[in-house]
Amino acid sequence: MPVYRDKRNGRWRFRKMLTLPNGRRIRLGGTGAVNARVAAEAAERAAIEHALRGMGKPQPKEVPTLEKFQEEFVRTYVRANNKESERRSKELILQAHIVPHFGRMRLHAIGAREIEAFKAELLEEKELGRKTVNNVLAVLSKLLRYAEELEVVERAPRVRLLKVERRKVRYLDFEEYAALLKAAASEPEWYAAVLLGGDAGLRRGEIRALQWDDWDRQAGRLVVQRSLWEDVEGATKGWNQRTIPLTDRLASALRAIRHLRGPYVLCDADGRPLTREAMRWNLPRLCRRAGIRPCGWHALRHTFCTHLAMRGAPAKTIQALAGHADLTTTLQYMHLVEGAAEQAIALLEAPAQGRCQQVANAP
């Protein structure tokens, strides 16, 4: 309403309902510096300007500390998007490294300078390996990017990972693998387990979680769709289901151990899947019997990929059979093929075929 004269005392006043930019409505009112209409109108304009300049601006929201936000990060993002093993790993990394260092800091205060100092602390004071440091940094990066997605911070800083030298892949050559199979042949279940790693490329958790329903006997294929971490069943790494044709010896090995103790292919007398401890100790035992250097189950998976590469399987096919999310993971096995580069260059000197040959012979 316009300015008015108060009937009780005769003073000029203003009264107005104002809608602020944030949608909130406030009531303004008062008198001028002197008792005059123009003074009340001037006071009204000043009050409106003050409200729009101050109260009308969105109040800055309080940014939580990392320790507080990581609780929401674990409760929502981690538990919804990660397997049990990944969830446990992230929680351990947060509590062992990230929260002790950044816990009391507000998220918007964590920038590139603070992250680089944290990286140096992990390397120099805690003396962690570069790959381990990258695992910690990956969790920190995801937490900060999640805060950005939720608009808790305006922008997440970039987290630069360390360069890591690629580790040498341990695999069994053809003679070593044959010796291992021979050593395991007298124990049908362990023989089948070795073949599941070396002839089908299954990971240890996938071998433990394999069920009879995953074997299509008519098609001669395995469907790899689950993994066991400790005693928790979940999806395979990368959440990728894959189908693998069986070699004849693997199919025969599975038929030889067919049982009715439960759904798991490899299990104890009560039908429970093999424990991690049983898997961990028995493969080195079989390696020693075979007279080869002991290895872990992942070396059999490396053996599977390497032998396929050595026999000329295309990289994309190996990637699909192994369930690699990234082709660069598969390409490391192609580098192990002796003479591969020389064979590729030799193709340039081989006789051309088809239309290329006709062009070469044209006058």
Protein backbone atom coordinates (compact mmCIF):
# COMPACT_ATOMS: atom_id res chain seq x y z
CA MET A 1 0.00 0.00 0.00
CA PRO A 2 1.21 3.62 -0.52
CA VAL A 3 2.48 5.70 2.35
CA TYR A 4 -0.21 6.82 4.75
CA ARG A 5 -0.79 9.05 7.76
CA ASP A 6 -1.29 7.21 11.02
CA LYS A 7 -4.67 8.32 12.45
CA ARG A 8 -3.48 7.81 16.03
CA ASN A 9 -0.53 10.18 16.01
CA GLY A 10 -0.54 11.82 12.59
CA ARG A 11 2.85 10.48 11.49
CA TRP A 12 3.55 9.53 7.89
CA ARG A 13 4.37 5.82 7.55
CA PHE A 14 5.02 3.22 4.86
CA ARG A 15 4.00 -0.45 4.81
CA LYS A 16 4.76 -2.94 2.01
CA MET A 17 4.86 -6.71 1.31
CA LEU A 18 7.98 -7.47 -0.73
CA THR A 19 8.75 -10.73 -2.59
CA LEU A 20 12.48 -11.45 -2.52
CA PRO A 21 14.42 -13.11 -5.38
CA ASN A 22 14.54 -16.35 -3.42
CA GLY A 23 10.74 -16.43 -3.29
CA ARG A 24 10.39 -15.46 0.37
CA ARG A 25 7.92 -12.69 1.21
CA ILE A 26 8.75 -10.12 3.88
CA ARG A 27 6.85 -7.15 5.38
CA LEU A 28 8.50 -3.72 5.37
CA GLY A 29 7.33 -0.75 7.42
CA GLY A 30 8.47 2.43 9.14
CA THR A 31 8.61 6.21 9.06
CA GLY A 32 10.77 8.81 7.42
CA ALA A 33 13.51 10.92 8.93
CA VAL A 34 10.99 13.73 9.34
CA ASN A 35 7.22 13.68 9.53
CA ALA A 36 6.50 14.29 5.85
CA ARG A 37 5.02 12.29 3.00
CA VAL A 38 8.13 12.60 0.82
CA ALA A 39 10.32 11.45 3.74
CA ALA A 40 8.14 8.33 4.24
CA GLU A 41 8.33 7.58 0.50
CA ALA A 42 12.12 7.95 0.56
CA ALA A 43 12.35 5.66 3.59
CA GLU A 44 10.22 3.06 1.76
CA ARG A 45 12.54 3.11 -1.28
CA ALA A 46 15.60 2.76 0.96
CA ALA A 47 14.06 -0.18 2.83
CA ILE A 48 13.25 -1.98 -0.43
CA GLU A 49 16.77 -1.40 -1.78
CA HIS A 50 18.33 -2.65 1.45
CA ALA A 51 16.19 -5.81 1.44
CA LEU A 52 17.03 -6.65 -2.16
CA ARG A 53 20.73 -5.97 -1.64
CA GLY A 54 21.11 -7.97 1.57
CA MET A 55 18.25 -10.19 2.64
CA GLY A 56 17.27 -10.93 -0.94
CA LYS A 57 20.55 -12.65 -1.74
CA PRO A 58 20.59 -16.42 -1.16
CA GLN A 59 22.36 -17.10 2.08
CA PRO A 60 25.55 -19.10 1.55
CA LYS A 61 24.99 -22.71 2.61
CA GLU A 62 27.37 -24.25 5.08
CA VAL A 63 29.72 -26.71 3.42
CA PRO A 64 30.18 -29.88 5.51
CA THR A 65 33.50 -31.23 6.63
CA LEU A 66 34.89 -34.24 4.80
CA GLU A 67 34.36 -36.40 7.90
CA LYS A 68 30.66 -35.53 7.90
CA PHE A 69 30.14 -35.86 4.15
CA GLN A 70 31.94 -39.20 3.89
CA GLU A 71 29.15 -40.71 6.00
CA GLU A 72 26.62 -39.74 3.32
CA PHE A 73 29.01 -40.84 0.57
CA VAL A 74 29.27 -44.35 2.06
CA ARG A 75 25.59 -44.59 2.96
CA THR A 76 24.30 -43.57 -0.47
CA TYR A 77 26.80 -43.82 -3.32
CA VAL A 78 29.12 -46.61 -2.12
CA ARG A 79 26.45 -48.99 -0.86
CA ALA A 80 24.28 -48.48 -3.93
CA ASN A 81 26.96 -48.71 -6.62
CA ASN A 82 29.76 -50.93 -5.30
CA LYS A 83 30.09 -54.64 -4.63
CA GLU A 84 30.76 -55.77 -1.07
CA SER A 85 34.50 -56.06 -1.66
CA GLU A 86 34.67 -52.59 -3.22
CA ARG A 87 32.56 -51.12 -0.41
CA ARG A 88 34.80 -52.62 2.25
CA SER A 89 37.92 -51.37 0.45
CA LYS A 90 36.58 -47.80 0.17
CA GLU A 91 35.55 -47.74 3.83
CA LEU A 92 38.99 -48.94 4.94
CA ILE A 93 40.76 -46.36 2.77
CA LEU A 94 38.55 -43.57 4.11
CA GLN A 95 39.12 -44.46 7.74
CA ALA A 96 42.83 -45.29 7.44
CA HIS A 97 44.02 -42.41 5.25
CA ILE A 98 41.52 -39.84 4.01
CA VAL A 99 39.52 -38.98 7.15
CA PRO A 100 42.61 -38.67 9.42
CA HIS A 101 44.12 -36.15 6.98
CA PHE A 102 41.13 -34.18 5.64
CA GLY A 103 38.41 -35.01 8.17
CA ARG A 104 38.11 -31.56 9.81
CA MET A 105 38.43 -29.60 6.57
CA ARG A 106 35.40 -28.18 4.76
CA LEU A 107 35.05 -29.76 1.35
CA HIS A 108 35.42 -26.47 -0.53
CA ALA A 109 38.76 -25.91 1.23
CA ILE A 110 40.30 -29.04 -0.33
CA GLY A 111 42.12 -27.95 -3.46
CA ALA A 112 44.99 -29.04 -5.66
CA ARG A 113 47.62 -27.79 -3.20
CA GLU A 114 46.14 -29.80 -0.31
CA ILE A 115 45.79 -32.92 -2.44
CA GLU A 116 49.41 -32.76 -3.62
CA ALA A 117 50.57 -32.39 0.00
CA PHE A 118 48.48 -35.42 0.93
CA LYS A 119 50.02 -37.38 -1.93
CA ALA A 120 53.52 -36.51 -0.74
CA GLU A 121 52.63 -37.58 2.81
CA LEU A 122 51.43 -40.99 1.62
CA LEU A 123 54.59 -41.54 -0.39
CA GLU A 124 57.24 -40.14 1.93
CA GLU A 125 55.92 -40.41 5.49
CA LYS A 126 53.69 -43.47 5.24
CA GLU A 127 55.94 -45.02 2.55
CA LEU A 128 53.04 -46.49 0.61
CA GLY A 129 53.58 -47.94 -2.85
CA ARG A 130 52.56 -45.86 -5.85
CA LYS A 131 49.75 -48.24 -6.79
CA THR A 132 48.40 -48.10 -3.22
CA VAL A 133 48.57 -44.31 -3.25
CA ASN A 134 46.57 -44.27 -6.48
CA ASN A 135 43.91 -46.45 -4.86
CA VAL A 136 43.60 -43.90 -2.04
CA LEU A 137 43.51 -40.97 -4.46
CA ALA A 138 40.81 -42.66 -6.54
CA VAL A 139 38.51 -42.86 -3.52
CA LEU A 140 39.19 -39.22 -2.62
CA SER A 141 38.52 -38.16 -6.21
CA LYS A 142 35.20 -40.00 -6.33
CA LEU A 143 34.08 -38.52 -3.01
CA LEU A 144 34.83 -34.97 -4.18
CA ARG A 145 33.17 -35.49 -7.56
CA TYR A 146 30.11 -36.91 -5.80
CA ALA A 147 29.98 -33.77 -3.65
CA GLU A 148 29.98 -31.73 -6.86
CA GLU A 149 27.17 -33.85 -8.32
CA LEU A 150 25.07 -33.20 -5.21
CA GLU A 151 25.93 -29.47 -5.46
CA VAL A 152 27.54 -29.55 -2.03
CA VAL A 153 30.55 -27.83 -3.62
CA GLU A 154 30.58 -25.75 -6.76
CA ARG A 155 33.46 -27.61 -8.38
CA ALA A 156 35.58 -30.60 -7.38
CA PRO A 157 39.37 -30.25 -7.75
CA ARG A 158 41.19 -32.50 -10.16
CA VAL A 159 43.02 -35.38 -8.50
CA ARG A 160 46.10 -36.40 -10.48
CA LEU A 161 47.15 -40.04 -10.13
CA LEU A 162 50.77 -41.12 -10.01
CA LYS A 163 52.44 -42.77 -12.94
CA VAL A 164 52.96 -46.44 -12.14
CA GLU A 165 55.31 -48.81 -13.88
CA ARG A 166 53.37 -51.74 -15.30
CA ARG A 167 54.10 -54.86 -13.29
CA LYS A 168 55.44 -57.89 -15.07
CA VAL A 169 52.65 -60.37 -15.67
CA ARG A 170 53.24 -63.83 -14.18
CA TYR A 171 51.93 -66.64 -16.35
CA LEU A 172 52.79 -70.27 -16.98
CA ASP A 173 54.34 -71.25 -20.27
CA PHE A 174 52.98 -74.25 -22.14
CA GLU A 175 55.34 -76.72 -20.43
CA GLU A 176 54.66 -75.36 -16.94
CA TYR A 177 50.91 -75.42 -17.45
CA ALA A 178 51.02 -78.98 -18.74
CA ALA A 179 53.10 -80.02 -15.70
CA LEU A 180 50.59 -78.38 -13.35
CA LEU A 181 47.66 -80.18 -14.98
CA LYS A 182 49.49 -83.47 -14.72
CA ALA A 183 50.20 -82.86 -11.02
CA ALA A 184 46.54 -82.03 -10.35
CA ALA A 185 45.06 -84.89 -12.40
CA SER A 186 44.91 -87.24 -9.39
CA GLU A 187 42.64 -84.78 -7.52
CA PRO A 188 39.58 -84.29 -9.77
CA GLU A 189 38.15 -81.21 -8.04
CA TRP A 190 41.45 -79.34 -8.01
CA TYR A 191 42.11 -80.45 -11.58
CA ALA A 192 38.79 -78.87 -12.59
CA ALA A 193 39.62 -75.74 -10.59
CA VAL A 194 42.97 -75.34 -12.37
CA LEU A 195 41.27 -75.74 -15.74
CA LEU A 196 38.62 -73.17 -14.84
CA GLY A 197 41.46 -70.70 -14.32
CA GLY A 198 43.78 -71.73 -17.17
CA ASP A 199 41.30 -72.92 -19.83
CA ALA A 200 38.42 -70.52 -19.08
CA GLY A 201 40.10 -67.51 -17.43
CA LEU A 202 37.91 -67.38 -14.33
CA ARG A 203 39.01 -65.33 -11.35
CA ARG A 204 39.34 -67.00 -7.94
CA GLY A 205 36.04 -65.56 -6.70
CA GLU A 206 34.31 -66.64 -9.92
CA ILE A 207 35.63 -70.19 -9.54
CA ARG A 208 34.31 -70.35 -5.97
CA ALA A 209 30.90 -68.95 -7.00
CA LEU A 210 30.40 -71.15 -10.08
CA GLN A 211 27.17 -73.15 -9.94
CA TRP A 212 25.94 -76.10 -11.94
CA ASP A 213 23.20 -73.99 -13.50
CA ASP A 214 25.94 -71.83 -15.04
CA TRP A 215 27.01 -74.76 -17.24
CA ASP A 216 25.08 -75.18 -20.48
CA ARG A 217 26.03 -78.79 -21.23
CA GLN A 218 24.33 -78.90 -24.63
CA ALA A 219 26.06 -75.77 -25.90
CA GLY A 220 29.30 -76.56 -24.06
CA ARG A 221 29.50 -73.13 -22.48
CA LEU A 222 29.84 -71.52 -19.08
CA VAL A 223 27.98 -68.36 -18.13
CA VAL A 224 30.12 -66.41 -15.64
CA GLN A 225 27.75 -64.14 -13.76
CA ARG A 226 28.70 -64.10 -10.07
CA SER A 227 31.67 -63.97 -7.73
CA LEU A 228 32.30 -64.73 -4.07
CA TRP A 229 34.20 -62.30 -1.88
CA GLU A 230 34.81 -63.93 1.49
CA ASP A 231 31.33 -65.45 1.98
CA VAL A 232 29.37 -62.69 0.22
CA GLU A 233 28.05 -63.42 -3.26
CA GLY A 234 27.91 -60.57 -5.76
CA ALA A 235 28.42 -59.62 -9.37
CA THR A 236 31.63 -60.24 -11.27
CA LYS A 237 34.29 -57.54 -11.49
CA GLY A 238 32.97 -54.71 -13.62
CA TRP A 239 29.45 -56.19 -13.35
CA ASN A 240 30.05 -57.96 -16.67
CA GLN A 241 28.39 -61.30 -17.41
CA ARG A 242 30.29 -63.30 -20.02
CA THR A 243 29.92 -66.62 -21.83
CA ILE A 244 32.92 -68.89 -22.34
CA PRO A 245 33.07 -71.98 -24.60
CA LEU A 246 34.60 -74.97 -22.82
CA THR A 247 37.61 -76.93 -23.93
CA ASP A 248 37.00 -80.67 -24.18
CA ARG A 249 39.22 -81.40 -21.18
CA LEU A 250 37.41 -78.84 -19.02
CA ALA A 251 34.02 -80.25 -19.98
CA SER A 252 35.26 -83.76 -19.12
CA ALA A 253 36.67 -82.54 -15.80
CA LEU A 254 33.32 -81.00 -14.84
CA ARG A 255 31.45 -84.19 -15.73
CA ALA A 256 33.88 -86.16 -13.57
CA ILE A 257 33.06 -84.17 -10.42
CA ARG A 258 29.27 -83.90 -10.90
CA HIS A 259 27.63 -84.19 -7.47
CA LEU A 260 24.37 -83.55 -5.64
CA ARG A 261 25.77 -81.84 -2.55
CA GLY A 262 24.47 -78.43 -3.53
CA PRO A 263 24.46 -75.79 -6.28
CA TYR A 264 28.18 -74.99 -6.20
CA VAL A 265 30.49 -76.83 -8.59
CA LEU A 266 33.42 -76.79 -6.16
CA CYS A 267 32.34 -77.27 -2.56
CA ASP A 268 33.03 -79.09 0.68
CA ALA A 269 31.21 -82.18 2.00
CA ASP A 270 28.31 -80.01 3.20
CA GLY A 271 27.83 -78.26 -0.13
CA ARG A 272 29.42 -74.99 0.96
CA PRO A 273 31.71 -73.26 -1.57
CA LEU A 274 35.44 -73.67 -1.11
CA THR A 275 36.98 -71.16 1.28
CA ARG A 276 39.54 -68.58 0.24
CA GLU A 277 42.05 -70.28 2.52
CA ALA A 278 41.60 -73.63 0.75
CA MET A 279 42.07 -71.93 -2.62
CA ARG A 280 45.08 -70.00 -1.39
CA TRP A 281 47.02 -73.00 -0.07
CA ASN A 282 46.23 -75.71 -2.58
CA LEU A 283 47.44 -74.12 -5.80
CA PRO A 284 50.99 -73.52 -4.48
CA ARG A 285 50.93 -77.11 -3.18
CA LEU A 286 50.11 -78.40 -6.68
CA CYS A 287 52.79 -76.15 -8.18
CA ARG A 288 55.42 -77.63 -5.88
CA ARG A 289 54.28 -81.13 -6.85
CA ALA A 290 54.64 -80.13 -10.52
CA GLY A 291 58.14 -78.80 -9.90
CA ILE A 292 57.33 -75.23 -10.92
CA ARG A 293 57.54 -71.95 -9.04
CA PRO A 294 54.37 -71.47 -6.94
CA CYS A 295 51.82 -69.02 -8.29
CA GLY A 296 48.40 -67.64 -7.39
CA TRP A 297 45.08 -68.16 -9.10
CA HIS A 298 45.32 -64.92 -11.04
CA ALA A 299 48.45 -66.28 -12.73
CA LEU A 300 46.21 -68.95 -14.29
CA ARG A 301 43.97 -66.19 -15.65
CA HIS A 302 47.09 -64.52 -17.07
CA THR A 303 48.01 -67.91 -18.53
CA PHE A 304 44.62 -68.15 -20.24
CA CYS A 305 44.97 -64.73 -21.87
CA THR A 306 48.63 -65.17 -22.78
CA HIS A 307 48.17 -68.58 -24.40
CA LEU A 308 45.27 -67.21 -26.47
CA ALA A 309 47.46 -64.31 -27.63
CA MET A 310 50.36 -66.64 -28.44
CA ARG A 311 48.06 -68.75 -30.58
CA GLY A 312 46.87 -65.74 -32.55
CA ALA A 313 43.49 -64.92 -30.97
CA PRO A 314 42.37 -61.32 -31.74
CA ALA A 315 42.65 -58.86 -28.87
CA LYS A 316 38.91 -58.06 -28.92
CA THR A 317 38.08 -61.75 -28.60
CA ILE A 318 40.43 -62.15 -25.63
CA GLN A 319 38.88 -59.05 -24.06
CA ALA A 320 35.38 -60.53 -24.36
CA LEU A 321 36.40 -63.95 -22.99
CA ALA A 322 38.33 -62.47 -20.07
CA GLY A 323 35.75 -59.80 -19.29
CA HIS A 324 38.21 -56.92 -19.43
CA ALA A 325 36.45 -53.56 -19.21
CA ASP A 326 39.30 -51.81 -21.04
CA LEU A 327 41.07 -53.07 -24.14
CA THR A 328 44.38 -51.70 -22.84
CA THR A 329 44.29 -54.40 -20.16
CA THR A 330 44.07 -57.02 -22.88
CA LEU A 331 46.82 -55.49 -24.99
CA GLN A 332 49.43 -56.17 -22.31
CA TYR A 333 49.15 -59.85 -23.21
CA MET A 334 49.75 -59.14 -26.89
CA HIS A 335 53.13 -57.66 -25.94
CA LEU A 336 54.16 -61.00 -24.44
CA VAL A 337 53.98 -62.80 -27.76
CA GLU A 338 57.59 -63.31 -28.87
CA GLY A 339 58.21 -62.25 -32.43
CA ALA A 340 54.78 -60.59 -32.79
CA ALA A 341 56.30 -57.31 -34.00
CA GLU A 342 58.57 -59.11 -36.48
CA GLN A 343 55.61 -61.13 -37.81
CA ALA A 344 53.58 -57.95 -38.27
CA ILE A 345 56.37 -56.21 -40.23
CA ALA A 346 56.83 -59.36 -42.33
CA LEU A 347 53.25 -58.94 -43.54
CA LEU A 348 54.38 -55.87 -45.46
CA GLU A 349 56.59 -58.08 -47.63
CA ALA A 350 54.08 -60.89 -48.07
CA PRO A 351 52.39 -61.27 -51.49
CA ALA A 352 49.31 -59.06 -51.72
CA GLN A 353 45.91 -60.73 -52.14
CA GLY A 354 42.79 -59.99 -54.17
CA ARG A 355 42.39 -56.54 -55.68
CA CYS A 356 45.64 -55.35 -54.08
CA GLN A 357 47.50 -58.05 -56.08
CA GLN A 358 45.79 -56.92 -59.28
CA VAL A 359 46.79 -53.30 -58.67
CA ALA A 360 50.36 -54.38 -58.00
CA ASN A 361 50.48 -56.28 -61.33
CA ALA A 362 48.88 -53.48 -63.38
CA PRO A 363 51.15 -51.92 -66.03
